[in-house]
Amino acid sequence: MKDIFLFNSMLTPKIITVVYWLMLVGVLVGGIGTMFDKYNGGILAGLGIIVAGAIGARIWCEMMIVLFKIHENLRRIADREAPSQDEL
């Protein structure tokens, strides 16, 4: 808990999984709503929204995870190459 309050570890990567599932539920509700909408609706439009939305949500979440992995790797490199007191 101390690491989170001092910003030594990231909290967001742990939340991304929950956000992904919430996005999938939203895409599913939107797609089903489009299927049964009497003005703009259509089975194909709803299925397209569901498929494209699920793929888009997955890509977005994976990009966020990649960004945090890059951050973790850069932190490891910085910790490994930290100058000693003699070099300062």
N, C-alpha and C. Protein backbone atom coordinates (compact mmCIF):
# COMPACT_ATOMS: atom_id res chain seq x y z
N MET A 1 0.82 -1.18 0.00
CA MET A 1 0.00 0.00 0.00
C MET A 1 0.87 1.26 0.00
N LYS A 2 2.01 1.16 0.69
CA LYS A 2 2.92 2.30 0.75
C LYS A 2 3.44 2.66 -0.64
N ASP A 3 3.71 1.63 -1.47
CA ASP A 3 4.21 1.88 -2.83
C ASP A 3 3.21 2.66 -3.67
N ILE A 4 1.93 2.39 -3.47
CA ILE A 4 0.90 3.08 -4.25
C ILE A 4 0.81 4.54 -3.84
N PHE A 5 0.85 4.81 -2.53
CA PHE A 5 0.73 6.19 -2.07
C PHE A 5 1.96 7.02 -2.38
N LEU A 6 3.11 6.38 -2.49
CA LEU A 6 4.34 7.10 -2.83
C LEU A 6 4.65 7.05 -4.32
N PHE A 7 3.73 6.49 -5.11
CA PHE A 7 3.86 6.38 -6.56
C PHE A 7 5.08 5.58 -6.98
N ASN A 8 5.47 4.59 -6.17
CA ASN A 8 6.55 3.69 -6.56
C ASN A 8 6.05 2.54 -7.41
N SER A 9 4.77 2.26 -7.35
CA SER A 9 4.18 1.25 -8.23
C SER A 9 2.91 1.83 -8.84
N MET A 10 2.56 1.29 -9.99
CA MET A 10 1.41 1.80 -10.73
C MET A 10 0.15 1.03 -10.34
N LEU A 11 -0.92 1.75 -10.14
CA LEU A 11 -2.21 1.14 -9.81
C LEU A 11 -3.01 0.83 -11.06
N THR A 12 -2.85 1.62 -12.10
CA THR A 12 -3.67 1.50 -13.30
C THR A 12 -3.58 0.15 -13.99
N PRO A 13 -2.42 -0.50 -14.09
CA PRO A 13 -2.41 -1.82 -14.75
C PRO A 13 -3.33 -2.83 -14.08
N LYS A 14 -3.53 -2.70 -12.79
CA LYS A 14 -4.43 -3.61 -12.09
C LYS A 14 -5.89 -3.32 -12.42
N ILE A 15 -6.17 -2.09 -12.79
CA ILE A 15 -7.54 -1.68 -13.07
C ILE A 15 -7.92 -1.95 -14.53
N ILE A 16 -6.95 -2.09 -15.40
CA ILE A 16 -7.22 -2.23 -16.83
C ILE A 16 -8.09 -3.45 -17.13
N THR A 17 -7.91 -4.54 -16.40
CA THR A 17 -8.74 -5.73 -16.63
C THR A 17 -10.20 -5.44 -16.34
N VAL A 18 -10.47 -4.74 -15.27
CA VAL A 18 -11.86 -4.38 -14.92
C VAL A 18 -12.42 -3.44 -15.98
N VAL A 19 -11.63 -2.48 -16.42
CA VAL A 19 -12.08 -1.55 -17.45
C VAL A 19 -12.39 -2.29 -18.74
N TYR A 20 -11.58 -3.28 -19.08
CA TYR A 20 -11.81 -4.07 -20.30
C TYR A 20 -13.16 -4.77 -20.24
N TRP A 21 -13.47 -5.41 -19.13
CA TRP A 21 -14.75 -6.11 -19.02
C TRP A 21 -15.92 -5.14 -19.03
N LEU A 22 -15.76 -3.98 -18.42
CA LEU A 22 -16.82 -2.97 -18.47
C LEU A 22 -17.03 -2.46 -19.89
N MET A 23 -15.93 -2.30 -20.62
CA MET A 23 -16.05 -1.87 -22.02
C MET A 23 -16.76 -2.93 -22.85
N LEU A 24 -16.46 -4.21 -22.62
CA LEU A 24 -17.14 -5.27 -23.35
C LEU A 24 -18.64 -5.29 -23.06
N VAL A 25 -19.01 -5.07 -21.80
CA VAL A 25 -20.44 -5.01 -21.46
C VAL A 25 -21.09 -3.83 -22.17
N GLY A 26 -20.42 -2.68 -22.18
CA GLY A 26 -20.96 -1.51 -22.88
C GLY A 26 -21.11 -1.74 -24.37
N VAL A 27 -20.14 -2.39 -24.98
CA VAL A 27 -20.22 -2.70 -26.41
C VAL A 27 -21.37 -3.65 -26.68
N LEU A 28 -21.53 -4.65 -25.84
CA LEU A 28 -22.62 -5.61 -26.01
C LEU A 28 -23.99 -4.94 -25.88
N VAL A 29 -24.14 -4.09 -24.88
CA VAL A 29 -25.41 -3.37 -24.71
C VAL A 29 -25.66 -2.45 -25.89
N GLY A 30 -24.63 -1.74 -26.34
CA GLY A 30 -24.79 -0.86 -27.50
C GLY A 30 -25.13 -1.61 -28.77
N GLY A 31 -24.49 -2.75 -28.97
CA GLY A 31 -24.77 -3.55 -30.16
C GLY A 31 -26.18 -4.12 -30.15
N ILE A 32 -26.60 -4.63 -29.00
CA ILE A 32 -27.96 -5.17 -28.90
C ILE A 32 -28.98 -4.05 -29.03
N GLY A 33 -28.69 -2.91 -28.45
CA GLY A 33 -29.59 -1.76 -28.60
C GLY A 33 -29.72 -1.32 -30.05
N THR A 34 -28.63 -1.36 -30.79
CA THR A 34 -28.67 -1.01 -32.21
C THR A 34 -29.47 -2.04 -33.00
N MET A 35 -29.36 -3.29 -32.63
CA MET A 35 -30.12 -4.34 -33.33
C MET A 35 -31.63 -4.11 -33.23
N PHE A 36 -32.06 -3.63 -32.09
CA PHE A 36 -33.50 -3.48 -31.87
C PHE A 36 -33.99 -2.04 -32.01
N ASP A 37 -33.12 -1.13 -32.43
CA ASP A 37 -33.53 0.26 -32.66
C ASP A 37 -34.35 0.31 -33.94
N LYS A 38 -35.51 0.94 -33.88
CA LYS A 38 -36.39 0.91 -35.06
C LYS A 38 -36.02 1.95 -36.11
N TYR A 39 -35.16 2.91 -35.80
CA TYR A 39 -34.79 3.93 -36.78
C TYR A 39 -33.47 3.61 -37.48
N ASN A 40 -32.42 3.39 -36.71
CA ASN A 40 -31.10 3.14 -37.29
C ASN A 40 -30.70 1.68 -37.21
N GLY A 41 -31.56 0.89 -36.67
CA GLY A 41 -31.18 -0.47 -36.30
C GLY A 41 -30.99 -1.41 -37.45
N GLY A 42 -30.54 -2.53 -37.11
CA GLY A 42 -30.31 -3.60 -38.06
C GLY A 42 -29.45 -4.65 -37.41
N ILE A 43 -29.73 -5.89 -37.75
CA ILE A 43 -28.96 -6.99 -37.17
C ILE A 43 -27.48 -6.87 -37.55
N LEU A 44 -27.22 -6.56 -38.81
CA LEU A 44 -25.83 -6.45 -39.25
C LEU A 44 -25.10 -5.29 -38.59
N ALA A 45 -25.79 -4.16 -38.43
CA ALA A 45 -25.17 -3.01 -37.77
C ALA A 45 -24.84 -3.34 -36.32
N GLY A 46 -25.76 -4.00 -35.64
CA GLY A 46 -25.52 -4.38 -34.25
C GLY A 46 -24.38 -5.37 -34.11
N LEU A 47 -24.34 -6.36 -35.01
CA LEU A 47 -23.24 -7.32 -34.97
C LEU A 47 -21.91 -6.64 -35.29
N GLY A 48 -21.94 -5.70 -36.23
CA GLY A 48 -20.72 -4.95 -36.56
C GLY A 48 -20.22 -4.15 -35.38
N ILE A 49 -21.14 -3.53 -34.66
CA ILE A 49 -20.75 -2.76 -33.47
C ILE A 49 -20.16 -3.67 -32.41
N ILE A 50 -20.77 -4.83 -32.22
CA ILE A 50 -20.27 -5.76 -31.21
C ILE A 50 -18.87 -6.26 -31.58
N VAL A 51 -18.68 -6.67 -32.82
CA VAL A 51 -17.38 -7.21 -33.23
C VAL A 51 -16.31 -6.11 -33.22
N ALA A 52 -16.60 -4.99 -33.87
CA ALA A 52 -15.62 -3.90 -33.94
C ALA A 52 -15.34 -3.32 -32.55
N GLY A 53 -16.37 -3.20 -31.74
CA GLY A 53 -16.19 -2.67 -30.39
C GLY A 53 -15.35 -3.58 -29.52
N ALA A 54 -15.58 -4.89 -29.62
CA ALA A 54 -14.79 -5.84 -28.83
C ALA A 54 -13.33 -5.81 -29.25
N ILE A 55 -13.09 -5.76 -30.56
CA ILE A 55 -11.71 -5.70 -31.05
C ILE A 55 -11.06 -4.37 -30.65
N GLY A 56 -11.80 -3.27 -30.79
CA GLY A 56 -11.26 -1.97 -30.40
C GLY A 56 -10.95 -1.88 -28.92
N ALA A 57 -11.83 -2.43 -28.08
CA ALA A 57 -11.59 -2.42 -26.64
C ALA A 57 -10.35 -3.22 -26.29
N ARG A 58 -10.20 -4.36 -26.94
CA ARG A 58 -9.03 -5.22 -26.68
C ARG A 58 -7.74 -4.51 -27.09
N ILE A 59 -7.75 -3.89 -28.27
CA ILE A 59 -6.55 -3.18 -28.75
C ILE A 59 -6.20 -2.03 -27.81
N TRP A 60 -7.20 -1.27 -27.38
CA TRP A 60 -6.94 -0.14 -26.49
C TRP A 60 -6.34 -0.62 -25.17
N CYS A 61 -6.91 -1.66 -24.59
CA CYS A 61 -6.40 -2.17 -23.31
C CYS A 61 -5.00 -2.74 -23.47
N GLU A 62 -4.74 -3.43 -24.57
CA GLU A 62 -3.40 -3.96 -24.79
C GLU A 62 -2.38 -2.83 -24.96
N MET A 63 -2.78 -1.75 -25.62
CA MET A 63 -1.87 -0.61 -25.77
C MET A 63 -1.56 0.01 -24.41
N MET A 64 -2.55 0.11 -23.54
CA MET A 64 -2.31 0.64 -22.20
C MET A 64 -1.36 -0.26 -21.42
N ILE A 65 -1.54 -1.57 -21.53
CA ILE A 65 -0.66 -2.50 -20.83
C ILE A 65 0.76 -2.39 -21.37
N VAL A 66 0.91 -2.25 -22.68
CA VAL A 66 2.25 -2.10 -23.27
C VAL A 66 2.92 -0.83 -22.75
N LEU A 67 2.18 0.25 -22.64
CA LEU A 67 2.77 1.49 -22.11
C LEU A 67 3.27 1.30 -20.68
N PHE A 68 2.50 0.60 -19.86
CA PHE A 68 2.94 0.38 -18.49
C PHE A 68 4.09 -0.60 -18.41
N LYS A 69 4.15 -1.57 -19.31
CA LYS A 69 5.30 -2.49 -19.34
C LYS A 69 6.56 -1.73 -19.75
N ILE A 70 6.43 -0.81 -20.69
CA ILE A 70 7.58 0.02 -21.08
C ILE A 70 8.06 0.83 -19.88
N HIS A 71 7.12 1.38 -19.12
CA HIS A 71 7.47 2.15 -17.93
C HIS A 71 8.22 1.27 -16.92
N GLU A 72 7.72 0.06 -16.69
CA GLU A 72 8.38 -0.84 -15.74
C GLU A 72 9.79 -1.19 -16.21
N ASN A 73 9.95 -1.46 -17.49
CA ASN A 73 11.28 -1.80 -18.01
C ASN A 73 12.24 -0.62 -17.93
N LEU A 74 11.76 0.57 -18.22
CA LEU A 74 12.61 1.76 -18.10
C LEU A 74 13.01 2.01 -16.65
N ARG A 75 12.10 1.73 -15.73
CA ARG A 75 12.42 1.90 -14.31
C ARG A 75 13.51 0.91 -13.90
N ARG A 76 13.41 -0.34 -14.38
CA ARG A 76 14.45 -1.33 -14.08
C ARG A 76 15.80 -0.91 -14.64
N ILE A 77 15.80 -0.40 -15.85
CA ILE A 77 17.06 0.06 -16.46
C ILE A 77 17.63 1.22 -15.67
N ALA A 78 16.78 2.15 -15.27
CA ALA A 78 17.25 3.31 -14.51
C ALA A 78 17.78 2.88 -13.15
N ASP A 79 17.13 1.93 -12.50
CA ASP A 79 17.60 1.46 -11.20
C ASP A 79 18.92 0.71 -11.33
N ARG A 80 19.07 -0.03 -12.41
CA ARG A 80 20.29 -0.81 -12.63
C ARG A 80 21.47 0.11 -12.95
N GLU A 81 21.21 1.21 -13.65
CA GLU A 81 22.28 2.11 -14.07
C GLU A 81 22.36 3.37 -13.23
N ALA A 82 21.81 3.34 -12.04
CA ALA A 82 21.85 4.52 -11.17
C ALA A 82 23.30 4.81 -10.79
N PRO A 83 23.70 6.06 -10.86
CA PRO A 83 25.09 6.40 -10.53
C PRO A 83 25.34 6.20 -9.03
N SER A 84 26.53 5.73 -8.73
CA SER A 84 26.90 5.57 -7.33
C SER A 84 27.33 6.92 -6.77
N GLN A 85 27.55 6.98 -5.47
CA GLN A 85 27.95 8.23 -4.82
C GLN A 85 29.33 8.68 -5.28
N ASP A 86 30.19 7.74 -5.67
CA ASP A 86 31.54 8.09 -6.12
C ASP A 86 31.51 8.83 -7.45
N GLU A 87 30.53 8.51 -8.31
CA GLU A 87 30.45 9.15 -9.62
C GLU A 87 29.88 10.56 -9.53
N LEU A 88 29.17 10.86 -8.47
CA LEU A 88 28.58 12.20 -8.33
C LEU A 88 29.63 13.12 -7.83
